[in-house]
């Protein structure tokens, strides 16, 4: 079977991913351009523009596998919970646990990829992850943890925004503090506010 020429080769994508981890895990988004990434990865700028279009989409595409592992990590933990509140706590704490084990990935996700890309959900793995959170909120509402008047989209935004802000602070403070406990505490606090 012939290789699909519309998709970048997996080994090239992994080479770009490793280069991006090396560059952006120690710096900020604006500190490196496409040319530097290409030079270090030994990939032509034409390859980047052909398959990704811009630096933001390159970063997201290189992190797609990591985001998929995050989704799987959270999904695997959820059966341990017996009710929607415990599931939301596990969602937050196991997400934080994943990022705590992957500080380089954390720095890229929370410090280097512009927030607009997460809102627009340009990542299939992120789409699954965010849909899982929304499903957990719907389940919690069905069990009476939210009033009928509460807009779950707004609760979703509050939960996601607070989690992202918590993670950004943790990353910017060089990973100090127990981020897993903070994730669990965050979900508890949001549920108390929403109830």
C-alpha atoms as a PDB file:
ATOM      1  CA  UNK A   1       0.000   0.000   0.000  1.00  0.00           C
ATOM      2  CA  UNK A   2       1.362   3.423  -0.942  1.00  0.00           C
ATOM      3  CA  UNK A   3       2.117   5.933   1.815  1.00  0.00           C
ATOM      4  CA  UNK A   4      -0.336   8.814   2.182  1.00  0.00           C
ATOM      5  CA  UNK A   5       1.598  11.828   0.850  1.00  0.00           C
ATOM      6  CA  UNK A   6      -0.865  14.273   2.436  1.00  0.00           C
ATOM      7  CA  UNK A   7       0.291  13.340   5.937  1.00  0.00           C
ATOM      8  CA  UNK A   8       3.677  14.045   7.415  1.00  0.00           C
ATOM      9  CA  UNK A   9       5.824  11.002   8.131  1.00  0.00           C
ATOM     10  CA  UNK A  10       5.592   9.851  11.734  1.00  0.00           C
ATOM     11  CA  UNK A  11       9.374   9.946  12.194  1.00  0.00           C
ATOM     12  CA  UNK A  12       9.474  13.553  10.949  1.00  0.00           C
ATOM     13  CA  UNK A  13       6.668  14.522  13.319  1.00  0.00           C
ATOM     14  CA  UNK A  14       8.486  12.868  16.239  1.00  0.00           C
ATOM     15  CA  UNK A  15      11.715  14.679  15.310  1.00  0.00           C
ATOM     16  CA  UNK A  16       9.796  17.971  15.337  1.00  0.00           C
ATOM     17  CA  UNK A  17       8.138  17.049  18.642  1.00  0.00           C
ATOM     18  CA  UNK A  18      11.485  16.362  20.327  1.00  0.00           C
ATOM     19  CA  UNK A  19      12.884  19.622  18.977  1.00  0.00           C
ATOM     20  CA  UNK A  20       9.863  21.553  20.200  1.00  0.00           C
ATOM     21  CA  UNK A  21      10.134  19.958  23.643  1.00  0.00           C
ATOM     22  CA  UNK A  22      13.798  20.950  23.797  1.00  0.00           C
ATOM     23  CA  UNK A  23      13.193  24.538  22.658  1.00  0.00           C
ATOM     24  CA  UNK A  24       9.909  25.490  24.305  1.00  0.00           C
ATOM     25  CA  UNK A  25      10.134  23.566  27.551  1.00  0.00           C
ATOM     26  CA  UNK A  26      12.852  25.976  28.647  1.00  0.00           C
ATOM     27  CA  UNK A  27      11.595  29.133  27.024  1.00  0.00           C
ATOM     28  CA  UNK A  28       8.602  31.010  25.818  1.00  0.00           C
ATOM     29  CA  UNK A  29       6.701  30.900  22.563  1.00  0.00           C
ATOM     30  CA  UNK A  30       8.088  34.103  21.080  1.00  0.00           C
ATOM     31  CA  UNK A  31      11.720  33.087  21.696  1.00  0.00           C
ATOM     32  CA  UNK A  32      11.972  30.664  18.756  1.00  0.00           C
ATOM     33  CA  UNK A  33      10.748  30.893  15.220  1.00  0.00           C
ATOM     34  CA  UNK A  34      10.042  28.391  12.469  1.00  0.00           C
ATOM     35  CA  UNK A  35      13.574  28.731  11.080  1.00  0.00           C
ATOM     36  CA  UNK A  36      15.208  27.769  14.374  1.00  0.00           C
ATOM     37  CA  UNK A  37      12.838  24.820  14.818  1.00  0.00           C
ATOM     38  CA  UNK A  38      13.573  23.661  11.269  1.00  0.00           C
ATOM     39  CA  UNK A  39      17.317  24.078  11.703  1.00  0.00           C
ATOM     40  CA  UNK A  40      17.418  22.011  14.899  1.00  0.00           C
ATOM     41  CA  UNK A  41      15.051  19.330  13.584  1.00  0.00           C
ATOM     42  CA  UNK A  42      16.771  19.276  10.182  1.00  0.00           C
ATOM     43  CA  UNK A  43      13.433  19.830   8.447  1.00  0.00           C
ATOM     44  CA  UNK A  44      12.746  22.397   5.745  1.00  0.00           C
ATOM     45  CA  UNK A  45      10.475  25.392   6.439  1.00  0.00           C
ATOM     46  CA  UNK A  46       8.437  24.280   3.422  1.00  0.00           C
ATOM     47  CA  UNK A  47       7.582  21.074   5.305  1.00  0.00           C
ATOM     48  CA  UNK A  48       6.237  23.098   8.231  1.00  0.00           C
ATOM     49  CA  UNK A  49       4.137  25.370   6.021  1.00  0.00           C
ATOM     50  CA  UNK A  50       2.881  22.478   3.882  1.00  0.00           C
ATOM     51  CA  UNK A  51       1.685  20.283   6.748  1.00  0.00           C
ATOM     52  CA  UNK A  52       0.928  22.791   9.503  1.00  0.00           C
ATOM     53  CA  UNK A  53       0.627  26.280   8.037  1.00  0.00           C
ATOM     54  CA  UNK A  54       2.043  28.098  11.077  1.00  0.00           C
ATOM     55  CA  UNK A  55       3.922  27.673  14.344  1.00  0.00           C
ATOM     56  CA  UNK A  56       0.780  27.359  16.467  1.00  0.00           C
ATOM     57  CA  UNK A  57      -0.578  24.441  14.470  1.00  0.00           C
ATOM     58  CA  UNK A  58       2.885  22.837  14.490  1.00  0.00           C
ATOM     59  CA  UNK A  59       2.918  22.978  18.299  1.00  0.00           C
ATOM     60  CA  UNK A  60      -0.595  21.574  18.573  1.00  0.00           C
ATOM     61  CA  UNK A  61       0.118  18.786  16.083  1.00  0.00           C
ATOM     62  CA  UNK A  62       3.285  17.813  17.924  1.00  0.00           C
ATOM     63  CA  UNK A  63       1.404  17.724  21.238  1.00  0.00           C
ATOM     64  CA  UNK A  64      -1.527  15.693  19.854  1.00  0.00           C
ATOM     65  CA  UNK A  65      -0.071  12.377  21.040  1.00  0.00           C
ATOM     66  CA  UNK A  66       0.509  13.812  24.513  1.00  0.00           C
ATOM     67  CA  UNK A  67      -3.053  15.117  24.669  1.00  0.00           C
ATOM     68  CA  UNK A  68      -4.305  11.687  23.632  1.00  0.00           C
ATOM     69  CA  UNK A  69      -2.283  10.103  26.445  1.00  0.00           C
ATOM     70  CA  UNK A  70      -3.830  12.666  28.841  1.00  0.00           C
ATOM     71  CA  UNK A  71      -7.324  11.646  27.717  1.00  0.00           C
ATOM     72  CA  UNK A  72      -6.527   7.943  28.158  1.00  0.00           C
ATOM     73  CA  UNK A  73      -4.993   8.595  31.599  1.00  0.00           C
ATOM     74  CA  UNK A  74      -8.102  10.407  32.820  1.00  0.00           C
ATOM     75  CA  UNK A  75     -10.527   7.928  31.236  1.00  0.00           C
ATOM     76  CA  UNK A  76      -8.746   4.996  32.895  1.00  0.00           C
ATOM     77  CA  UNK A  77      -9.077   6.601  36.353  1.00  0.00           C
ATOM     78  CA  UNK A  78     -12.792   7.455  36.200  1.00  0.00           C
ATOM     79  CA  UNK A  79     -14.209   3.982  36.984  1.00  0.00           C
ATOM     80  CA  UNK A  80     -12.680   4.345  40.473  1.00  0.00           C
ATOM     81  CA  UNK A  81     -15.276   7.049  41.251  1.00  0.00           C
ATOM     82  CA  UNK A  82     -18.751   6.189  42.466  1.00  0.00           C
ATOM     83  CA  UNK A  83     -20.549   9.495  41.814  1.00  0.00           C
ATOM     84  CA  UNK A  84     -20.316  12.572  39.557  1.00  0.00           C
ATOM     85  CA  UNK A  85     -18.548  14.706  42.163  1.00  0.00           C
ATOM     86  CA  UNK A  86     -15.833  12.102  42.650  1.00  0.00           C
ATOM     87  CA  UNK A  87     -15.515  11.802  38.872  1.00  0.00           C
ATOM     88  CA  UNK A  88     -14.992  15.559  38.528  1.00  0.00           C
ATOM     89  CA  UNK A  89     -12.378  15.439  41.286  1.00  0.00           C
ATOM     90  CA  UNK A  90     -10.641  12.553  39.528  1.00  0.00           C
ATOM     91  CA  UNK A  91     -10.847  14.378  36.209  1.00  0.00           C
ATOM     92  CA  UNK A  92      -8.986  17.355  37.681  1.00  0.00           C
ATOM     93  CA  UNK A  93      -6.526  15.471  39.884  1.00  0.00           C
ATOM     94  CA  UNK A  94      -5.568  12.865  37.260  1.00  0.00           C
ATOM     95  CA  UNK A  95      -5.180  15.612  34.660  1.00  0.00           C
ATOM     96  CA  UNK A  96      -2.848  17.418  37.064  1.00  0.00           C
ATOM     97  CA  UNK A  97      -1.099  14.110  37.803  1.00  0.00           C
ATOM     98  CA  UNK A  98      -0.440  13.596  34.088  1.00  0.00           C
ATOM     99  CA  UNK A  99       1.026  17.079  33.708  1.00  0.00           C
ATOM    100  CA  UNK A 100       3.091  16.711  36.904  1.00  0.00           C
ATOM    101  CA  UNK A 101       4.754  13.670  35.327  1.00  0.00           C
ATOM    102  CA  UNK A 102       5.323  15.591  32.064  1.00  0.00           C
ATOM    103  CA  UNK A 103       6.750  19.019  33.001  1.00  0.00           C
ATOM    104  CA  UNK A 104       8.107  19.714  29.490  1.00  0.00           C
ATOM    105  CA  UNK A 105       4.720  18.990  27.948  1.00  0.00           C
ATOM    106  CA  UNK A 106       3.065  21.109  30.659  1.00  0.00           C
ATOM    107  CA  UNK A 107       5.219  24.102  29.852  1.00  0.00           C
ATOM    108  CA  UNK A 108       4.357  23.882  26.161  1.00  0.00           C
ATOM    109  CA  UNK A 109       0.635  23.318  26.700  1.00  0.00           C
ATOM    110  CA  UNK A 110       0.085  26.029  29.297  1.00  0.00           C
ATOM    111  CA  UNK A 111       2.776  28.571  28.490  1.00  0.00           C
ATOM    112  CA  UNK A 112       3.371  28.384  24.760  1.00  0.00           C
ATOM    113  CA  UNK A 113       0.213  27.497  22.853  1.00  0.00           C
ATOM    114  CA  UNK A 114      -2.157  30.469  22.574  1.00  0.00           C
ATOM    115  CA  UNK A 115      -5.436  29.980  24.455  1.00  0.00           C
ATOM    116  CA  UNK A 116      -7.544  30.674  21.366  1.00  0.00           C
ATOM    117  CA  UNK A 117      -6.463  27.321  19.942  1.00  0.00           C
ATOM    118  CA  UNK A 118      -7.862  25.497  22.961  1.00  0.00           C
ATOM    119  CA  UNK A 119     -11.154  27.366  22.746  1.00  0.00           C
ATOM    120  CA  UNK A 120     -11.485  26.567  19.039  1.00  0.00           C
ATOM    121  CA  UNK A 121     -10.648  22.901  19.753  1.00  0.00           C
ATOM    122  CA  UNK A 122      -8.346  22.365  16.834  1.00  0.00           C
ATOM    123  CA  UNK A 123      -7.098  19.127  18.366  1.00  0.00           C
ATOM    124  CA  UNK A 124      -9.063  15.888  18.091  1.00  0.00           C
ATOM    125  CA  UNK A 125      -7.594  14.655  21.381  1.00  0.00           C
ATOM    126  CA  UNK A 126      -8.508  17.890  23.123  1.00  0.00           C
ATOM    127  CA  UNK A 127     -12.014  17.616  21.671  1.00  0.00           C
ATOM    128  CA  UNK A 128     -12.420  14.166  23.280  1.00  0.00           C
ATOM    129  CA  UNK A 129     -10.984  15.422  26.575  1.00  0.00           C
ATOM    130  CA  UNK A 130     -13.274  18.465  26.700  1.00  0.00           C
ATOM    131  CA  UNK A 131     -16.302  16.378  25.687  1.00  0.00           C
ATOM    132  CA  UNK A 132     -15.547  14.040  28.571  1.00  0.00           C
ATOM    133  CA  UNK A 133     -15.556  16.984  30.998  1.00  0.00           C
ATOM    134  CA  UNK A 134     -18.859  18.250  29.597  1.00  0.00           C
ATOM    135  CA  UNK A 135     -20.385  14.763  29.917  1.00  0.00           C
ATOM    136  CA  UNK A 136     -19.302  14.638  33.574  1.00  0.00           C
ATOM    137  CA  UNK A 137     -20.941  18.028  34.178  1.00  0.00           C
ATOM    138  CA  UNK A 138     -24.151  16.833  32.479  1.00  0.00           C
ATOM    139  CA  UNK A 139     -24.128  13.731  34.694  1.00  0.00           C
ATOM    140  CA  UNK A 140     -23.635  15.902  37.789  1.00  0.00           C
ATOM    141  CA  UNK A 141     -26.544  18.143  36.744  1.00  0.00           C
ATOM    142  CA  UNK A 142     -28.816  15.125  36.238  1.00  0.00           C
ATOM    143  CA  UNK A 143     -28.078  14.110  39.819  1.00  0.00           C
ATOM    144  CA  UNK A 144     -29.053  17.548  41.083  1.00  0.00           C
ATOM    145  CA  UNK A 145     -25.618  19.078  41.674  1.00  0.00           C
ATOM    146  CA  UNK A 146     -26.514  22.136  39.593  1.00  0.00           C
ATOM    147  CA  UNK A 147     -29.731  24.083  39.413  1.00  0.00           C
ATOM    148  CA  UNK A 148     -31.773  23.968  36.230  1.00  0.00           C
ATOM    149  CA  UNK A 149     -30.934  27.624  35.616  1.00  0.00           C
ATOM    150  CA  UNK A 150     -27.179  27.079  35.659  1.00  0.00           C
ATOM    151  CA  UNK A 151     -25.670  27.072  32.198  1.00  0.00           C
ATOM    152  CA  UNK A 152     -23.304  24.103  31.925  1.00  0.00           C
ATOM    153  CA  UNK A 153     -21.298  25.881  29.241  1.00  0.00           C
ATOM    154  CA  UNK A 154     -20.509  28.577  31.776  1.00  0.00           C
ATOM    155  CA  UNK A 155     -19.635  25.979  34.457  1.00  0.00           C
ATOM    156  CA  UNK A 156     -17.409  24.268  31.863  1.00  0.00           C
ATOM    157  CA  UNK A 157     -15.674  27.598  31.137  1.00  0.00           C
ATOM    158  CA  UNK A 158     -15.174  28.299  34.835  1.00  0.00           C
ATOM    159  CA  UNK A 159     -13.773  24.815  35.454  1.00  0.00           C
ATOM    160  CA  UNK A 160     -11.498  24.873  32.391  1.00  0.00           C
ATOM    161  CA  UNK A 161     -10.369  28.449  32.913  1.00  0.00           C
ATOM    162  CA  UNK A 162      -9.566  27.897  36.576  1.00  0.00           C
ATOM    163  CA  UNK A 163      -7.696  24.671  35.786  1.00  0.00           C
ATOM    164  CA  UNK A 164      -5.658  26.360  33.041  1.00  0.00           C
ATOM    165  CA  UNK A 165      -4.851  29.318  35.307  1.00  0.00           C
ATOM    166  CA  UNK A 166      -3.813  26.944  38.106  1.00  0.00           C
ATOM    167  CA  UNK A 167      -1.548  25.015  35.724  1.00  0.00           C
ATOM    168  CA  UNK A 168      -0.041  28.186  34.241  1.00  0.00           C
ATOM    169  CA  UNK A 169       0.817  29.442  37.723  1.00  0.00           C
ATOM    170  CA  UNK A 170       2.381  26.068  38.587  1.00  0.00           C
ATOM    171  CA  UNK A 171       4.458  26.061  35.386  1.00  0.00           C
ATOM    172  CA  UNK A 172       5.538  29.692  35.775  1.00  0.00           C
ATOM    173  CA  UNK A 173       6.605  29.036  39.390  1.00  0.00           C
ATOM    174  CA  UNK A 174       8.900  26.227  38.196  1.00  0.00           C
ATOM    175  CA  UNK A 175       6.529  23.435  39.215  1.00  0.00           C
ATOM    176  CA  UNK A 176       6.377  24.265  42.912  1.00  0.00           C
ATOM    177  CA  UNK A 177       3.507  22.947  45.021  1.00  0.00           C
ATOM    178  CA  UNK A 178       1.398  19.787  44.982  1.00  0.00           C
ATOM    179  CA  UNK A 179      -0.453  20.290  41.709  1.00  0.00           C
ATOM    180  CA  UNK A 180      -2.385  16.996  42.047  1.00  0.00           C
ATOM    181  CA  UNK A 181      -3.879  18.068  45.382  1.00  0.00           C
ATOM    182  CA  UNK A 182      -4.586  21.523  43.952  1.00  0.00           C
ATOM    183  CA  UNK A 183      -6.446  19.931  41.036  1.00  0.00           C
ATOM    184  CA  UNK A 184      -8.639  17.930  43.396  1.00  0.00           C
ATOM    185  CA  UNK A 185      -9.239  20.974  45.626  1.00  0.00           C
ATOM    186  CA  UNK A 186     -10.119  23.081  42.579  1.00  0.00           C
ATOM    187  CA  UNK A 187     -12.863  20.718  41.423  1.00  0.00           C
ATOM    188  CA  UNK A 188     -14.284  20.526  44.963  1.00  0.00           C
ATOM    189  CA  UNK A 189     -14.316  24.312  45.237  1.00  0.00           C
ATOM    190  CA  UNK A 190     -16.021  24.780  41.881  1.00  0.00           C
ATOM    191  CA  UNK A 191     -18.699  22.229  42.747  1.00  0.00           C
ATOM    192  CA  UNK A 192     -19.326  23.971  46.088  1.00  0.00           C
ATOM    193  CA  UNK A 193     -19.689  27.334  44.336  1.00  0.00           C
ATOM    194  CA  UNK A 194     -21.994  25.875  41.686  1.00  0.00           C
ATOM    195  CA  UNK A 195     -24.230  24.017  44.153  1.00  0.00           C
END
